[in-house]
Amino acid sequence: MSVKQAVYIENMKIITIFLGVFFLSCIANAQRNVILIIADDLGTDYCGFYEDRADTAALPNLRRLLNRGVRFTNPMSNPVCSPTRAGILTGRYSFRTGIGDAVGGVGSAVIDTSEVTIPRILKLYNPAISTANIGKWHLSMQTPASNLLTPNWMGYDHYSGIFLGTVSSYTSWTKVTNGISSTSTNYATSEIANDAISWIKTQGANPFFLWLAFNAPHTPLHLPPAGLHSFTGLSGTTADINANPKLYFKASLEALDHEIGRLLDSLIVLNKYDSTDIIFIGDNGNGLRSSQITDTNRAKGSIYQYGVKVPFIISGPSVISTNRISNALVNTTDLFASIIELFGCTTWPVYIPASKQVDSKSLLPILKNIDTVVRPWAFTEVFKVVTDSQDGIAMRNLTYKLLNFNYGHQEFYNVAIDPNESNDLLDSILSPTEIINYNYLCNEMSTLTGSSTVCDSSVRVKQTDNTGHNYLVYPNPFTSFVRLPQVVRNDTYELSNFLGQIVYRGPSIEKQDFSSLPSGVYSLRNVTKGNIYTRLIKN
């Protein structure tokens, strides 16, 4: 064999290997699929595979995801559903999208149809990718009727499901399919799963992205059909539901798990399971009736941990070294970049206009087991249509969490050792390490939001009553609202001016807006306990 022939043969081997790799890469890309499954109003304490598990439900199918995935122990969502969904869809925090509360009602913000969304970018990257949104939408108003096409306008090839935030009945509800309304009497959780399975069957060899948002286990509490849960002895009557709300919540959750299992089995039958990455999350913490904590003001709707810590699992062929647990800080907003990059589109920022700041961080370095951290802090916020004392923002690192309420009050916790946020560190003198972390989080929060957050842990003023208890009034000076310790928050108070004239008397003083009061010196007295708290300065 001549040298020329040998070189030719060697070159052909290289070309053959290259073409083989290229062909396999094309096949892999053609088969890449992603399903995002969202449970409605589900925190981690009902999930037996989380460390804060309490009164849990049987969830064998969700556990199937663990064996081929990564479970995140420090996730953070928004406190209510619409902001979480808007953040995932756009990769942008609520103060950017304008959606800080559940969509619905007069004055409610809705998704801006000019937003750059996951399905829009996927279509630009690879028009062959099929996209569908099935289940709960809850990002637009239902009127005018043309709004029912909003999911399609925003990049989805197909939409079917519950357009609004909830249903009055799981067995009689309005279903929207690509802009057309109809009435469904099928059990909603099963119908949504049916639609998902049917749509996947039509995709053939096309890669697909499916946003699958169940209403379960969101209220109304109800008795699911027999065979979908393990509970016996539940009558389903209003009286029984009111007497045993958590049992019905768990029954609804088990029914959801059952239908997720049916979806997983269908992927296996369709030979798509091994080529599909599956993400499972809750959109916010448990609601009031299913809450497993005493203070329901810290449940859904609040920026406390119970309101924003949700189950968060990513499972499938893209995960290297499966059955892992990650303590990385992650936001549900990070699913925007992660989903897009799971399809191979790592250059997605080129599709984002300069006017659309994106906050999402890709979790692929964690999935690929090449890094353990993607962000130094996690952020959440809520601002309701009708403002209340829970409105505010929160930011945490691995150890500490700072809550900044819109009326000026702050709380600071070591969530690594105090996950239930029971010991507010600002009620005592901070250690040097605590001061460093407080200042870091507060300054990062101010920089991110562009707000004028006061980053001074020393502004709180404490007084000691005649029983030796320390009481705190914050802020002082104040401009509108005052804050008090939780143990005396519901006592009756008198606020008097410097002439001794009572300007306010009653309970729940924290909810009173004193913006219109003249500037000056005031005194606050706890009428219930008969103690004068302190002198307050009104700016």
Protein backbone atom coordinates (compact mmCIF):
# COMPACT_ATOMS: atom_id res chain seq x y z
CA MET A 1 0.00 0.00 0.00
CA SER A 2 1.37 3.37 -0.99
CA VAL A 3 1.72 6.29 1.44
CA LYS A 4 -0.90 8.16 -0.57
CA GLN A 5 -3.36 5.29 -0.20
CA ALA A 6 -2.66 5.03 3.51
CA VAL A 7 -3.28 8.76 4.02
CA TYR A 8 -6.48 8.50 2.01
CA ILE A 9 -7.74 5.58 4.12
CA GLU A 10 -6.84 7.38 7.36
CA ASN A 11 -8.63 10.55 6.20
CA MET A 12 -11.71 8.53 5.31
CA LYS A 13 -11.70 7.01 8.81
CA ILE A 14 -11.61 10.47 10.33
CA ILE A 15 -14.42 11.67 8.08
CA THR A 16 -16.46 8.57 8.87
CA ILE A 17 -15.99 9.10 12.61
CA PHE A 18 -16.91 12.79 12.26
CA LEU A 19 -20.02 12.02 10.25
CA GLY A 20 -20.99 9.35 12.76
CA VAL A 21 -20.65 11.75 15.67
CA PHE A 22 -22.53 14.42 13.73
CA PHE A 23 -25.29 11.95 12.85
CA LEU A 24 -25.62 10.79 16.47
CA SER A 25 -25.68 14.41 17.59
CA CYS A 26 -28.49 15.16 15.16
CA ILE A 27 -30.42 12.14 16.38
CA ALA A 28 -29.92 13.22 19.98
CA ASN A 29 -31.12 16.72 19.17
CA ALA A 30 -34.10 15.38 17.27
CA GLN A 31 -35.16 13.29 20.25
CA ARG A 32 -34.57 15.89 22.96
CA ASN A 33 -37.78 16.62 24.86
CA VAL A 34 -38.58 18.59 28.02
CA ILE A 35 -41.70 18.44 30.18
CA LEU A 36 -42.23 20.99 32.95
CA ILE A 37 -44.81 19.78 35.50
CA ILE A 38 -46.21 22.38 37.90
CA ALA A 39 -48.29 21.47 40.96
CA ASP A 40 -50.53 24.24 42.27
CA ASP A 41 -50.07 25.37 45.91
CA LEU A 42 -47.66 22.64 46.99
CA GLY A 43 -44.89 23.17 49.51
CA THR A 44 -42.31 20.60 50.53
CA ASP A 45 -43.74 19.36 53.84
CA TYR A 46 -46.31 17.06 52.18
CA CYS A 47 -43.50 15.42 50.16
CA GLY A 48 -41.93 12.56 52.08
CA PHE A 49 -38.65 13.01 50.21
CA TYR A 50 -37.98 16.47 51.69
CA GLU A 51 -36.26 17.09 55.01
CA ASP A 52 -39.11 19.18 56.44
CA ARG A 53 -41.64 16.45 55.74
CA ALA A 54 -44.58 16.42 58.15
CA ASP A 55 -48.01 14.97 57.37
CA THR A 56 -47.04 13.54 53.99
CA ALA A 57 -48.91 11.94 51.11
CA ALA A 58 -47.97 8.79 49.19
CA LEU A 59 -46.18 9.97 46.05
CA PRO A 60 -44.53 6.94 44.45
CA ASN A 61 -44.45 8.38 40.94
CA LEU A 62 -42.74 11.58 41.94
CA ARG A 63 -40.20 9.41 43.71
CA ARG A 64 -39.51 7.76 40.35
CA LEU A 65 -38.08 11.07 39.21
CA LEU A 66 -35.56 11.11 42.05
CA ASN A 67 -33.77 7.99 40.83
CA ARG A 68 -32.79 9.66 37.55
CA GLY A 69 -32.53 13.24 38.70
CA VAL A 70 -31.41 15.99 41.06
CA ARG A 71 -33.50 17.19 44.01
CA PHE A 72 -32.89 20.78 45.06
CA THR A 73 -33.16 21.48 48.78
CA ASN A 74 -32.95 25.29 48.64
CA PRO A 75 -35.44 26.36 45.97
CA MET A 76 -37.33 29.64 46.02
CA SER A 77 -40.54 30.49 44.16
CA ASN A 78 -42.80 33.51 44.34
CA PRO A 79 -45.41 33.49 47.12
CA VAL A 80 -48.37 33.21 44.69
CA CYS A 81 -48.96 31.41 41.42
CA SER A 82 -49.11 33.97 38.58
CA PRO A 83 -45.78 35.67 39.43
CA THR A 84 -44.02 32.29 39.58
CA ARG A 85 -45.42 31.34 36.18
CA ALA A 86 -44.53 34.70 34.63
CA GLY A 87 -41.01 34.38 36.01
CA ILE A 88 -40.50 30.94 34.50
CA LEU A 89 -41.98 31.91 31.14
CA THR A 90 -39.86 35.08 30.77
CA GLY A 91 -36.89 34.51 33.08
CA ARG A 92 -37.63 37.86 34.71
CA TYR A 93 -38.45 38.86 38.27
CA SER A 94 -41.87 40.22 39.13
CA PHE A 95 -40.78 43.84 39.44
CA ARG A 96 -39.80 43.58 35.78
CA THR A 97 -42.89 41.75 34.46
CA GLY A 98 -45.25 43.80 36.65
CA ILE A 99 -47.00 40.64 37.87
CA GLY A 100 -46.62 40.55 41.64
CA ASP A 101 -49.98 39.04 42.53
CA ALA A 102 -52.39 36.40 41.26
CA VAL A 103 -53.96 37.57 38.00
CA GLY A 104 -57.65 38.41 38.33
CA GLY A 105 -59.85 41.25 39.45
CA VAL A 106 -59.92 44.99 38.86
CA GLY A 107 -56.47 46.50 38.43
CA SER A 108 -54.73 43.17 38.05
CA ALA A 109 -51.53 43.14 36.01
CA VAL A 110 -51.35 40.57 33.21
CA ILE A 111 -48.56 39.15 31.08
CA ASP A 112 -47.27 41.57 28.46
CA THR A 113 -47.57 39.86 25.09
CA SER A 114 -44.31 41.49 23.99
CA GLU A 115 -42.35 39.41 26.51
CA VAL A 116 -39.75 37.04 25.10
CA THR A 117 -40.82 33.57 26.22
CA ILE A 118 -39.42 30.05 26.31
CA PRO A 119 -41.49 28.81 23.33
CA ARG A 120 -40.66 31.90 21.26
CA ILE A 121 -36.93 31.38 21.71
CA LEU A 122 -37.19 27.65 21.02
CA LYS A 123 -38.97 28.39 17.75
CA LEU A 124 -36.27 30.85 16.73
CA TYR A 125 -33.57 28.34 17.64
CA ASN A 126 -35.18 25.33 15.99
CA PRO A 127 -38.58 25.67 14.27
CA ALA A 128 -38.97 21.87 14.40
CA ILE A 129 -39.47 21.94 18.18
CA SER A 130 -43.16 21.48 19.01
CA THR A 131 -44.49 23.47 21.98
CA ALA A 132 -47.61 23.09 24.08
CA ASN A 133 -49.04 24.59 27.26
CA ILE A 134 -51.59 22.30 28.87
CA GLY A 135 -53.41 23.02 32.12
CA LYS A 136 -53.54 26.17 34.20
CA TRP A 137 -52.54 29.39 32.40
CA HIS A 138 -53.44 32.17 34.89
CA LEU A 139 -51.44 34.94 33.21
CA SER A 140 -54.23 36.78 31.37
CA MET A 141 -57.81 37.89 31.90
CA GLN A 142 -60.49 35.91 30.09
CA THR A 143 -62.13 38.98 28.59
CA PRO A 144 -62.23 40.07 25.86
CA ALA A 145 -62.67 36.63 24.31
CA SER A 146 -59.64 37.18 22.08
CA ASN A 147 -57.48 36.96 25.22
CA LEU A 148 -58.12 33.23 25.27
CA LEU A 149 -55.57 32.97 22.45
CA THR A 150 -52.81 34.59 24.53
CA PRO A 151 -50.88 31.32 25.12
CA ASN A 152 -50.81 30.77 21.36
CA TRP A 153 -49.75 34.35 20.69
CA MET A 154 -46.85 33.90 23.09
CA GLY A 155 -45.32 31.00 21.21
CA TYR A 156 -47.22 27.82 22.00
CA ASP A 157 -48.39 25.67 19.10
CA HIS A 158 -51.14 24.27 21.29
CA TYR A 159 -52.97 25.31 24.43
CA SER A 160 -55.69 23.48 26.33
CA GLY A 161 -56.74 23.71 29.92
CA ILE A 162 -57.99 25.96 32.69
CA PHE A 163 -57.38 29.53 31.61
CA LEU A 164 -58.07 31.15 34.99
CA GLY A 165 -56.54 30.53 38.40
CA THR A 166 -59.00 28.01 39.75
CA VAL A 167 -62.19 26.11 39.10
CA SER A 168 -65.38 26.07 41.14
CA SER A 169 -65.55 22.29 40.65
CA TYR A 170 -63.02 19.71 39.49
CA THR A 171 -65.81 17.86 37.69
CA SER A 172 -67.54 20.80 36.00
CA TRP A 173 -65.23 23.44 34.64
CA THR A 174 -64.57 25.67 31.66
CA LYS A 175 -61.94 24.31 29.33
CA VAL A 176 -60.20 26.46 26.72
CA THR A 177 -58.62 24.83 23.67
CA ASN A 178 -56.71 27.16 21.37
CA GLY A 179 -59.05 30.04 22.12
CA ILE A 180 -62.32 28.06 22.14
CA SER A 181 -64.26 27.56 25.38
CA SER A 182 -66.20 24.45 26.28
CA THR A 183 -67.50 22.75 29.42
CA SER A 184 -65.73 19.67 30.73
CA THR A 185 -67.23 17.25 33.24
CA ASN A 186 -64.16 15.01 33.32
CA TYR A 187 -62.10 15.11 36.50
CA ALA A 188 -59.77 18.05 35.83
CA THR A 189 -56.52 16.37 36.93
CA SER A 190 -57.22 13.37 34.69
CA GLU A 191 -58.38 15.50 31.77
CA ILE A 192 -55.19 17.56 31.85
CA ALA A 193 -53.11 14.36 31.88
CA ASN A 194 -55.22 12.96 29.03
CA ASP A 195 -54.59 16.06 26.92
CA ALA A 196 -50.85 15.88 27.60
CA ILE A 197 -50.62 12.22 26.62
CA SER A 198 -52.72 12.76 23.49
CA TRP A 199 -50.59 15.70 22.38
CA ILE A 200 -47.33 13.82 22.93
CA LYS A 201 -48.65 10.94 20.80
CA THR A 202 -49.07 13.31 17.84
CA GLN A 203 -45.45 14.52 17.91
CA GLY A 204 -43.83 11.54 16.25
CA ALA A 205 -40.08 12.13 16.05
CA ASN A 206 -40.35 15.88 16.63
CA PRO A 207 -38.56 17.26 19.70
CA PHE A 208 -41.07 18.87 22.01
CA PHE A 209 -41.46 21.17 25.00
CA LEU A 210 -44.55 20.65 27.16
CA TRP A 211 -45.54 23.04 29.95
CA LEU A 212 -47.93 20.90 32.01
CA ALA A 213 -49.60 22.86 34.81
CA PHE A 214 -52.08 20.98 36.98
CA ASN A 215 -54.61 22.76 39.19
CA ALA A 216 -54.19 20.10 41.84
CA PRO A 217 -53.84 20.18 44.75
CA HIS A 218 -55.21 23.77 44.77
CA THR A 219 -58.66 24.33 46.24
CA PRO A 220 -61.53 23.61 46.03
CA LEU A 221 -60.84 20.69 48.34
CA HIS A 222 -62.74 17.67 47.02
CA LEU A 223 -62.91 13.89 46.89
CA PRO A 224 -61.10 12.58 43.79
CA PRO A 225 -62.51 9.61 41.88
CA ALA A 226 -61.98 6.18 43.41
CA GLY A 227 -58.79 4.49 42.29
CA LEU A 228 -56.75 7.69 42.21
CA HIS A 229 -55.98 7.82 45.94
CA SER A 230 -55.64 5.56 48.97
CA PHE A 231 -58.07 7.19 51.39
CA THR A 232 -61.17 5.38 52.57
CA GLY A 233 -64.01 6.68 54.66
CA LEU A 234 -64.11 10.13 53.07
CA SER A 235 -67.66 11.12 52.19
CA GLY A 236 -66.88 14.20 50.11
CA THR A 237 -69.56 16.25 51.86
CA THR A 238 -68.92 19.88 52.66
CA ALA A 239 -69.09 19.13 56.38
CA ASP A 240 -66.53 16.34 56.10
CA ILE A 241 -64.21 18.45 53.95
CA ASN A 242 -64.41 21.30 56.47
CA ALA A 243 -63.68 18.88 59.30
CA ASN A 244 -60.75 17.17 57.53
CA PRO A 245 -59.24 19.60 55.01
CA LYS A 246 -55.76 18.10 55.10
CA LEU A 247 -57.05 14.59 54.31
CA TYR A 248 -58.79 15.89 51.20
CA PHE A 249 -55.69 17.88 50.24
CA LYS A 250 -53.61 14.70 50.45
CA ALA A 251 -56.20 12.75 48.46
CA SER A 252 -56.00 15.38 45.72
CA LEU A 253 -52.21 15.22 45.83
CA GLU A 254 -52.22 11.43 45.54
CA ALA A 255 -54.57 11.72 42.54
CA LEU A 256 -52.11 14.12 40.95
CA ASP A 257 -49.25 11.69 41.57
CA HIS A 258 -51.32 8.86 40.04
CA GLU A 259 -51.92 10.83 36.85
CA ILE A 260 -48.27 11.89 36.64
CA GLY A 261 -47.46 8.17 36.83
CA ARG A 262 -49.79 7.53 33.91
CA LEU A 263 -47.95 10.21 31.93
CA LEU A 264 -44.57 8.64 32.73
CA ASP A 265 -45.85 5.21 31.70
CA SER A 266 -47.11 6.62 28.40
CA LEU A 267 -43.65 8.05 27.68
CA ILE A 268 -42.21 4.58 28.20
CA VAL A 269 -44.78 3.01 25.86
CA LEU A 270 -44.10 5.71 23.24
CA ASN A 271 -40.34 5.11 23.57
CA LYS A 272 -39.79 8.73 24.68
CA TYR A 273 -39.00 8.30 28.36
CA ASP A 274 -35.24 7.94 27.86
CA SER A 275 -35.09 11.07 25.69
CA THR A 276 -37.24 13.32 27.90
CA ASP A 277 -36.08 15.56 30.73
CA ILE A 278 -38.82 16.07 33.31
CA ILE A 279 -38.96 18.98 35.75
CA PHE A 280 -41.34 18.97 38.71
CA ILE A 281 -42.02 21.99 40.92
CA GLY A 282 -44.69 23.60 43.07
CA ASP A 283 -45.59 27.19 42.21
CA ASN A 284 -45.73 28.40 45.84
CA GLY A 285 -46.22 27.09 49.37
CA ASN A 286 -49.36 25.51 50.77
CA GLY A 287 -52.54 27.54 51.11
CA LEU A 288 -54.31 28.37 54.35
CA ARG A 289 -56.50 25.25 54.62
CA SER A 290 -53.65 22.86 53.90
CA SER A 291 -50.98 24.73 55.84
CA GLN A 292 -49.07 22.64 58.37
CA ILE A 293 -47.75 25.62 60.34
CA THR A 294 -49.56 27.47 63.12
CA ASP A 295 -49.08 30.98 61.75
CA THR A 296 -50.94 30.88 58.43
CA ASN A 297 -49.77 34.44 57.75
CA ARG A 298 -46.52 32.74 56.79
CA ALA A 299 -48.09 30.35 54.26
CA LYS A 300 -49.00 31.00 50.61
CA GLY A 301 -48.86 34.71 49.87
CA SER A 302 -45.96 35.45 52.22
CA ILE A 303 -42.23 35.83 51.61
CA TYR A 304 -41.46 33.61 54.60
CA GLN A 305 -39.91 30.23 53.80
CA TYR A 306 -43.20 28.35 54.06
CA GLY A 307 -44.68 30.57 51.36
CA VAL A 308 -41.84 30.20 48.86
CA LYS A 309 -40.07 26.87 49.45
CA VAL A 310 -41.40 24.35 46.94
CA PRO A 311 -40.47 20.88 45.65
CA PHE A 312 -37.98 21.20 42.80
CA ILE A 313 -36.72 18.15 40.86
CA ILE A 314 -35.02 17.88 37.47
CA SER A 315 -34.87 14.34 36.13
CA GLY A 316 -33.86 12.67 32.89
CA PRO A 317 -31.07 11.92 30.42
CA SER A 318 -29.43 15.33 30.81
CA VAL A 319 -28.62 14.64 34.47
CA ILE A 320 -25.15 13.27 35.05
CA SER A 321 -24.67 11.16 38.19
CA THR A 322 -28.32 10.73 39.07
CA ASN A 323 -30.13 10.40 42.39
CA ARG A 324 -28.32 13.46 43.68
CA ILE A 325 -29.27 16.15 46.17
CA SER A 326 -28.18 19.75 45.58
CA ASN A 327 -28.21 22.49 48.19
CA ALA A 328 -27.58 25.15 45.55
CA LEU A 329 -29.69 28.28 45.71
CA VAL A 330 -32.17 28.16 42.83
CA ASN A 331 -35.11 30.30 41.75
CA THR A 332 -38.05 28.99 39.78
CA THR A 333 -37.11 31.84 37.41
CA ASP A 334 -33.97 29.83 36.58
CA LEU A 335 -36.08 27.33 34.67
CA PHE A 336 -36.27 29.79 31.75
CA ALA A 337 -32.57 29.51 30.88
CA SER A 338 -32.38 25.87 31.97
CA ILE A 339 -35.20 24.64 29.72
CA ILE A 340 -33.87 26.51 26.71
CA GLU A 341 -30.35 25.16 27.24
CA LEU A 342 -31.65 21.62 27.68
CA PHE A 343 -32.53 21.87 23.97
CA GLY A 344 -28.95 22.87 23.18
CA CYS A 345 -29.59 26.59 22.76
CA THR A 346 -26.78 28.08 24.83
CA THR A 347 -26.75 31.34 22.84
CA TRP A 348 -30.28 32.31 23.87
CA PRO A 349 -29.24 35.80 25.12
CA VAL A 350 -28.87 36.90 21.48
CA TYR A 351 -32.65 36.61 21.18
CA ILE A 352 -33.30 38.97 24.12
CA PRO A 353 -33.71 42.70 23.41
CA ALA A 354 -31.54 45.02 25.49
CA SER A 355 -34.71 46.45 27.04
CA LYS A 356 -35.65 43.05 28.54
CA GLN A 357 -33.37 42.31 31.49
CA VAL A 358 -33.35 38.55 32.15
CA ASP A 359 -32.60 37.27 35.66
CA SER A 360 -32.58 33.52 34.98
CA LYS A 361 -29.46 31.42 35.62
CA SER A 362 -29.01 28.10 33.83
CA LEU A 363 -28.92 25.08 36.11
CA LEU A 364 -27.14 22.90 33.54
CA PRO A 365 -23.76 23.15 35.33
CA ILE A 366 -25.43 21.43 38.28
CA LEU A 367 -27.27 18.91 36.10
CA LYS A 368 -24.03 18.07 34.29
CA ASN A 369 -22.28 17.73 37.67
CA ILE A 370 -19.58 20.22 36.71
CA ASP A 371 -20.47 22.86 39.30
CA THR A 372 -22.38 23.13 42.56
CA VAL A 373 -23.33 26.84 42.50
CA VAL A 374 -25.01 29.02 39.87
CA ARG A 375 -26.01 32.09 41.92
CA PRO A 376 -24.86 33.69 45.22
CA TRP A 377 -28.37 34.54 46.39
CA ALA A 378 -32.02 33.80 45.68
CA PHE A 379 -34.75 36.42 45.51
CA THR A 380 -38.51 36.56 45.87
CA GLU A 381 -41.18 39.23 46.13
CA VAL A 382 -44.90 39.89 46.32
CA PHE A 383 -46.90 43.04 45.67
CA LYS A 384 -50.63 42.51 45.71
CA VAL A 385 -53.33 44.35 43.81
CA VAL A 386 -54.73 45.44 47.17
CA THR A 387 -51.59 46.12 49.17
CA ASP A 388 -51.24 44.69 52.66
CA SER A 389 -48.61 44.19 55.33
CA GLN A 390 -47.24 41.04 53.65
CA ASP A 391 -46.07 42.87 50.54
CA GLY A 392 -42.31 42.94 50.29
CA ILE A 393 -39.12 41.39 48.99
CA ALA A 394 -36.74 38.80 50.40
CA MET A 395 -33.24 37.65 49.56
CA ARG A 396 -31.19 34.81 50.99
CA ASN A 397 -27.79 33.23 50.68
CA LEU A 398 -26.98 29.74 51.89
CA THR A 399 -27.09 30.77 55.54
CA TYR A 400 -29.04 34.00 56.03
CA LYS A 401 -32.27 35.50 54.76
CA LEU A 402 -33.37 39.14 54.84
CA LEU A 403 -37.04 40.11 54.53
CA ASN A 404 -37.86 43.70 53.65
CA PHE A 405 -41.54 44.58 53.89
CA ASN A 406 -42.84 47.46 51.82
CA TYR A 407 -43.95 49.50 54.82
CA GLY A 408 -40.41 49.63 56.17
CA HIS A 409 -40.04 46.65 58.47
CA GLN A 410 -37.18 44.18 58.13
CA GLU A 411 -36.54 40.72 59.55
CA PHE A 412 -33.32 38.74 59.39
CA TYR A 413 -32.89 35.00 59.98
CA ASN A 414 -30.23 32.33 59.99
CA VAL A 415 -32.26 29.91 57.88
CA ALA A 416 -29.49 27.31 57.91
CA ILE A 417 -30.18 26.60 61.60
CA ASP A 418 -33.61 28.29 61.87
CA PRO A 419 -35.54 27.19 58.75
CA ASN A 420 -38.88 28.06 60.37
CA GLU A 421 -37.73 31.67 60.86
CA SER A 422 -38.64 31.78 64.53
CA ASN A 423 -35.67 33.82 65.80
CA ASP A 424 -35.46 37.27 64.19
CA LEU A 425 -31.79 38.24 64.57
CA LEU A 426 -32.69 41.92 64.40
CA ASP A 427 -34.37 41.54 67.80
CA SER A 428 -30.88 41.34 69.31
CA ILE A 429 -27.41 42.71 68.73
CA LEU A 430 -25.92 41.20 65.59
CA SER A 431 -22.58 39.42 65.63
CA PRO A 432 -19.85 40.60 63.22
CA THR A 433 -20.64 37.71 60.87
CA GLU A 434 -24.36 38.52 60.97
CA ILE A 435 -23.66 42.19 60.25
CA ILE A 436 -21.57 41.27 57.21
CA ASN A 437 -24.33 39.04 55.84
CA TYR A 438 -27.07 41.55 56.65
CA ASN A 439 -25.23 44.33 54.83
CA TYR A 440 -24.43 42.07 51.88
CA LEU A 441 -28.02 40.94 51.37
CA CYS A 442 -29.49 44.38 51.95
CA ASN A 443 -27.13 46.07 49.52
CA GLU A 444 -27.62 43.36 46.89
CA MET A 445 -31.37 43.72 47.31
CA SER A 446 -31.18 47.49 46.86
CA THR A 447 -28.93 47.17 43.82
CA LEU A 448 -31.18 44.58 42.18
CA THR A 449 -34.47 46.41 42.65
CA GLY A 450 -33.17 49.97 42.49
CA SER A 451 -35.01 50.66 45.73
CA SER A 452 -34.04 52.97 48.56
CA THR A 453 -33.96 50.14 51.11
CA VAL A 454 -32.53 51.31 54.43
CA CYS A 455 -29.55 49.05 55.14
CA ASP A 456 -29.01 49.83 58.80
CA SER A 457 -29.59 47.06 61.32
CA SER A 458 -29.29 49.52 64.21
CA VAL A 459 -32.41 51.57 63.46
CA ARG A 460 -34.64 49.41 65.65
CA VAL A 461 -35.51 50.83 69.05
CA LYS A 462 -36.28 48.54 71.98
CA GLN A 463 -38.00 49.32 75.25
CA THR A 464 -38.31 47.08 78.29
CA ASP A 465 -41.62 46.89 80.15
CA ASN A 466 -42.01 46.39 83.89
CA THR A 467 -42.05 42.60 83.47
CA GLY A 468 -38.62 42.61 81.85
CA HIS A 469 -39.87 41.83 78.32
CA ASN A 470 -38.14 43.55 75.44
CA TYR A 471 -40.50 45.18 72.97
CA LEU A 472 -39.57 46.61 69.66
CA VAL A 473 -41.12 49.41 67.64
CA TYR A 474 -39.82 49.75 64.11
CA PRO A 475 -39.05 51.92 62.21
CA ASN A 476 -38.29 54.87 64.42
CA PRO A 477 -38.51 57.50 63.02
CA PHE A 478 -41.54 56.31 61.02
CA THR A 479 -43.38 57.79 58.06
CA SER A 480 -46.49 55.65 57.62
CA PHE A 481 -46.58 52.24 59.36
CA VAL A 482 -45.12 50.89 62.59
CA ARG A 483 -44.12 47.33 63.39
CA LEU A 484 -44.35 45.45 66.70
CA PRO A 485 -43.29 42.03 68.05
CA GLN A 486 -45.59 39.22 67.04
CA VAL A 487 -46.44 38.30 70.64
CA VAL A 488 -48.12 41.67 71.23
CA ARG A 489 -49.09 42.52 67.66
CA ASN A 490 -52.84 42.09 68.22
CA ASP A 491 -53.04 43.99 71.50
CA THR A 492 -54.94 47.27 71.70
CA TYR A 493 -52.83 50.43 71.41
CA GLU A 494 -53.05 54.17 71.85
CA LEU A 495 -50.94 56.56 69.84
CA SER A 496 -50.83 60.07 71.32
CA ASN A 497 -49.26 63.31 70.13
CA PHE A 498 -47.03 65.55 72.25
CA LEU A 499 -50.11 67.32 73.66
CA GLY A 500 -51.40 64.01 75.00
CA GLN A 501 -54.21 63.85 72.46
CA ILE A 502 -55.02 60.31 71.32
CA VAL A 503 -54.75 60.12 67.54
CA TYR A 504 -55.41 56.38 67.31
CA ARG A 505 -56.84 53.75 69.61
CA GLY A 506 -57.57 50.15 68.68
CA PRO A 507 -56.12 46.73 67.72
CA SER A 508 -53.99 45.85 64.71
CA ILE A 509 -52.06 49.08 64.76
CA GLU A 510 -49.62 47.66 62.20
CA LYS A 511 -52.33 47.91 59.56
CA GLN A 512 -52.90 51.62 60.18
CA ASP A 513 -51.43 54.09 57.71
CA PHE A 514 -50.23 57.17 59.60
CA SER A 515 -48.91 58.99 56.53
CA SER A 516 -51.30 61.89 57.09
CA LEU A 517 -50.20 62.52 60.67
CA PRO A 518 -48.23 65.74 61.22
CA SER A 519 -44.53 65.33 61.84
CA GLY A 520 -43.52 65.37 65.45
CA VAL A 521 -43.13 63.37 68.65
CA TYR A 522 -45.66 60.67 69.60
CA SER A 523 -45.97 58.06 72.32
CA LEU A 524 -47.29 54.54 71.88
CA ARG A 525 -49.04 52.78 74.74
CA ASN A 526 -50.10 49.16 74.95
CA VAL A 527 -53.58 49.48 76.43
CA THR A 528 -53.92 45.72 76.90
CA LYS A 529 -50.83 45.52 79.08
CA GLY A 530 -50.85 49.12 80.30
CA ASN A 531 -47.29 49.84 79.24
CA ILE A 532 -45.99 52.90 77.42
CA TYR A 533 -43.77 51.46 74.75
CA THR A 534 -41.62 54.31 73.61
CA ARG A 535 -41.39 57.73 72.16
CA LEU A 536 -41.80 57.70 68.39
CA ILE A 537 -40.69 60.29 65.87
CA LYS A 538 -42.98 60.89 62.89
CA ASN A 539 -41.20 62.21 59.78
